[in-house]
Amino acid sequence: MQSLQIKKGDLLRFRLRANPTKRVLYQRTQKSQRISLFSEEDCKQWLLRKAEKGGFLIHLDSLLITPAPYRTMVITKEEKTHKATINMVDFSGVLKVGDGEKLILSIAQGIGPAKGLGCGLLSLSR
């Protein structure tokens, strides 16, 4: 089996279903909570930050951002039950590889939260 060959400067089509979120610190309780990002601009900025950390750049003129179906679930933690809604967004477009090793790591680890719920898989094609 041949290993994945990605090098700096490669242009690749990508698709990503993600759960774009940010952490908010509540002053009263000093606890943080992850909240979903809903606006297209917030989702775009989230993706650009993840791309920079992941070794690639997004061609903004090719970027499509599409809301995907929500997924609601019940989470039990420390004998407490919480209802959680996962906000999923589909991203697609063209990316340029800046650091092939970081990109391969991003593919292997996934991008963003809720990977166990079907989010974070970065698909690439030439």
Protein backbone atom coordinates (compact mmCIF):
# COMPACT_ATOMS: atom_id res chain seq x y z
CA MET A 1 0.00 0.00 0.00
CA GLN A 2 1.33 3.41 -0.96
CA SER A 3 1.39 6.22 1.61
CA LEU A 4 -0.40 9.51 1.12
CA GLN A 5 1.70 11.87 -1.01
CA ILE A 6 0.99 15.50 -0.14
CA LYS A 7 3.55 18.24 -0.61
CA LYS A 8 3.74 21.97 -0.05
CA GLY A 9 2.00 23.93 -2.79
CA ASP A 10 -0.44 21.17 -3.81
CA LEU A 11 -3.95 22.38 -4.61
CA LEU A 12 -6.63 19.95 -3.44
CA ARG A 13 -10.41 19.92 -3.35
CA PHE A 14 -11.76 19.35 0.14
CA ARG A 15 -14.96 18.56 1.99
CA LEU A 16 -15.42 18.78 5.72
CA ARG A 17 -18.47 18.27 7.93
CA ALA A 18 -17.68 20.03 11.17
CA ASN A 19 -19.14 21.33 14.40
CA PRO A 20 -17.76 24.90 14.58
CA THR A 21 -17.70 26.05 18.19
CA LYS A 22 -15.94 28.36 20.60
CA ARG A 23 -15.44 28.26 24.36
CA VAL A 24 -17.08 30.93 26.50
CA LEU A 25 -16.04 31.58 30.10
CA TYR A 26 -18.92 32.46 32.40
CA GLN A 27 -17.70 34.99 34.98
CA ARG A 28 -20.27 34.06 37.64
CA THR A 29 -19.30 30.39 37.79
CA GLN A 30 -15.77 30.60 36.33
CA LYS A 31 -16.65 27.62 34.15
CA SER A 32 -16.35 27.49 30.40
CA GLN A 33 -18.79 25.98 27.97
CA ARG A 34 -18.55 25.20 24.29
CA ILE A 35 -21.13 27.07 22.18
CA SER A 36 -22.00 26.63 18.51
CA LEU A 37 -21.18 29.20 15.87
CA PHE A 38 -24.09 29.94 13.54
CA SER A 39 -23.25 32.90 11.30
CA GLU A 40 -21.50 32.21 8.02
CA GLU A 41 -18.74 34.69 8.90
CA ASP A 42 -18.09 33.05 12.30
CA CYS A 43 -17.97 29.62 10.64
CA LYS A 44 -15.57 30.90 7.98
CA GLN A 45 -13.26 32.42 10.61
CA TRP A 46 -13.37 29.17 12.59
CA LEU A 47 -12.32 27.21 9.48
CA LEU A 48 -9.52 29.66 8.66
CA ARG A 49 -8.07 29.25 12.19
CA LYS A 50 -8.27 25.45 11.93
CA ALA A 51 -6.67 25.55 8.48
CA GLU A 52 -3.74 27.63 9.69
CA LYS A 53 -3.09 25.20 12.55
CA GLY A 54 -3.61 22.24 10.21
CA GLY A 55 -0.98 23.22 7.64
CA PHE A 56 -3.20 24.48 4.81
CA LEU A 57 -4.80 27.61 3.39
CA ILE A 58 -8.36 27.96 2.08
CA HIS A 59 -9.01 29.59 -1.31
CA LEU A 60 -11.83 31.86 -0.19
CA ASP A 61 -13.26 32.34 -3.70
CA SER A 62 -13.99 28.58 -3.83
CA LEU A 63 -15.35 28.19 -0.29
CA LEU A 64 -18.93 26.96 0.14
CA ILE A 65 -20.47 26.90 3.62
CA THR A 66 -23.72 24.96 3.96
CA PRO A 67 -25.65 24.31 7.19
CA ALA A 68 -26.16 20.58 7.74
CA PRO A 69 -28.86 18.87 9.83
CA TYR A 70 -28.71 19.33 13.59
CA ARG A 71 -28.20 16.27 15.73
CA THR A 72 -29.77 16.20 19.20
CA MET A 73 -28.67 13.69 21.82
CA VAL A 74 -28.81 12.98 25.52
CA ILE A 75 -25.50 12.96 27.39
CA THR A 76 -25.14 11.44 30.86
CA LYS A 77 -22.24 12.72 32.94
CA GLU A 78 -21.73 12.25 36.66
CA GLU A 79 -25.31 10.97 37.06
CA LYS A 80 -26.71 14.10 35.41
CA THR A 81 -28.45 14.07 32.07
CA HIS A 82 -28.02 16.88 29.57
CA LYS A 83 -29.60 17.44 26.19
CA ALA A 84 -27.03 18.50 23.59
CA THR A 85 -27.65 19.77 20.09
CA ILE A 86 -24.77 19.46 17.62
CA ASN A 87 -24.70 22.19 14.99
CA MET A 88 -23.13 20.70 11.87
CA VAL A 89 -21.81 22.68 8.91
CA ASP A 90 -20.51 21.39 5.56
CA PHE A 91 -17.48 23.17 4.13
CA SER A 92 -16.17 22.55 0.62
CA GLY A 93 -13.74 24.21 -1.76
CA VAL A 94 -10.07 24.26 -2.66
CA LEU A 95 -7.14 24.30 -0.27
CA LYS A 96 -3.44 24.90 -0.75
CA VAL A 97 -1.00 22.77 1.23
CA GLY A 98 1.39 24.78 3.37
CA ASP A 99 2.82 21.96 5.49
CA GLY A 100 2.17 18.43 4.23
CA GLU A 101 2.98 16.73 7.55
CA LYS A 102 0.56 18.95 9.50
CA LEU A 103 -2.16 18.34 6.91
CA ILE A 104 -1.70 14.57 7.11
CA LEU A 105 -1.95 14.85 10.91
CA SER A 106 -5.17 16.88 10.51
CA ILE A 107 -6.58 14.15 8.29
CA ALA A 108 -5.66 11.48 10.83
CA GLN A 109 -6.91 13.34 13.93
CA GLY A 110 -9.90 15.12 12.42
CA ILE A 111 -10.81 18.79 12.73
CA GLY A 112 -12.86 20.30 15.53
CA PRO A 113 -15.15 18.72 18.13
CA ALA A 114 -17.83 16.00 17.86
CA LYS A 115 -15.69 13.56 15.90
CA GLY A 116 -17.50 10.64 17.48
CA LEU A 117 -20.74 12.04 16.08
CA GLY A 118 -19.62 12.22 12.46
CA CYS A 119 -17.87 15.58 12.43
CA GLY A 120 -14.26 16.42 11.66
CA LEU A 121 -13.55 14.14 8.69
CA LEU A 122 -11.50 16.03 6.10
CA SER A 123 -11.88 14.50 2.63
CA LEU A 124 -9.44 15.44 -0.14
CA SER A 125 -9.19 14.90 -3.88
CA ARG A 126 -6.81 16.08 -6.58
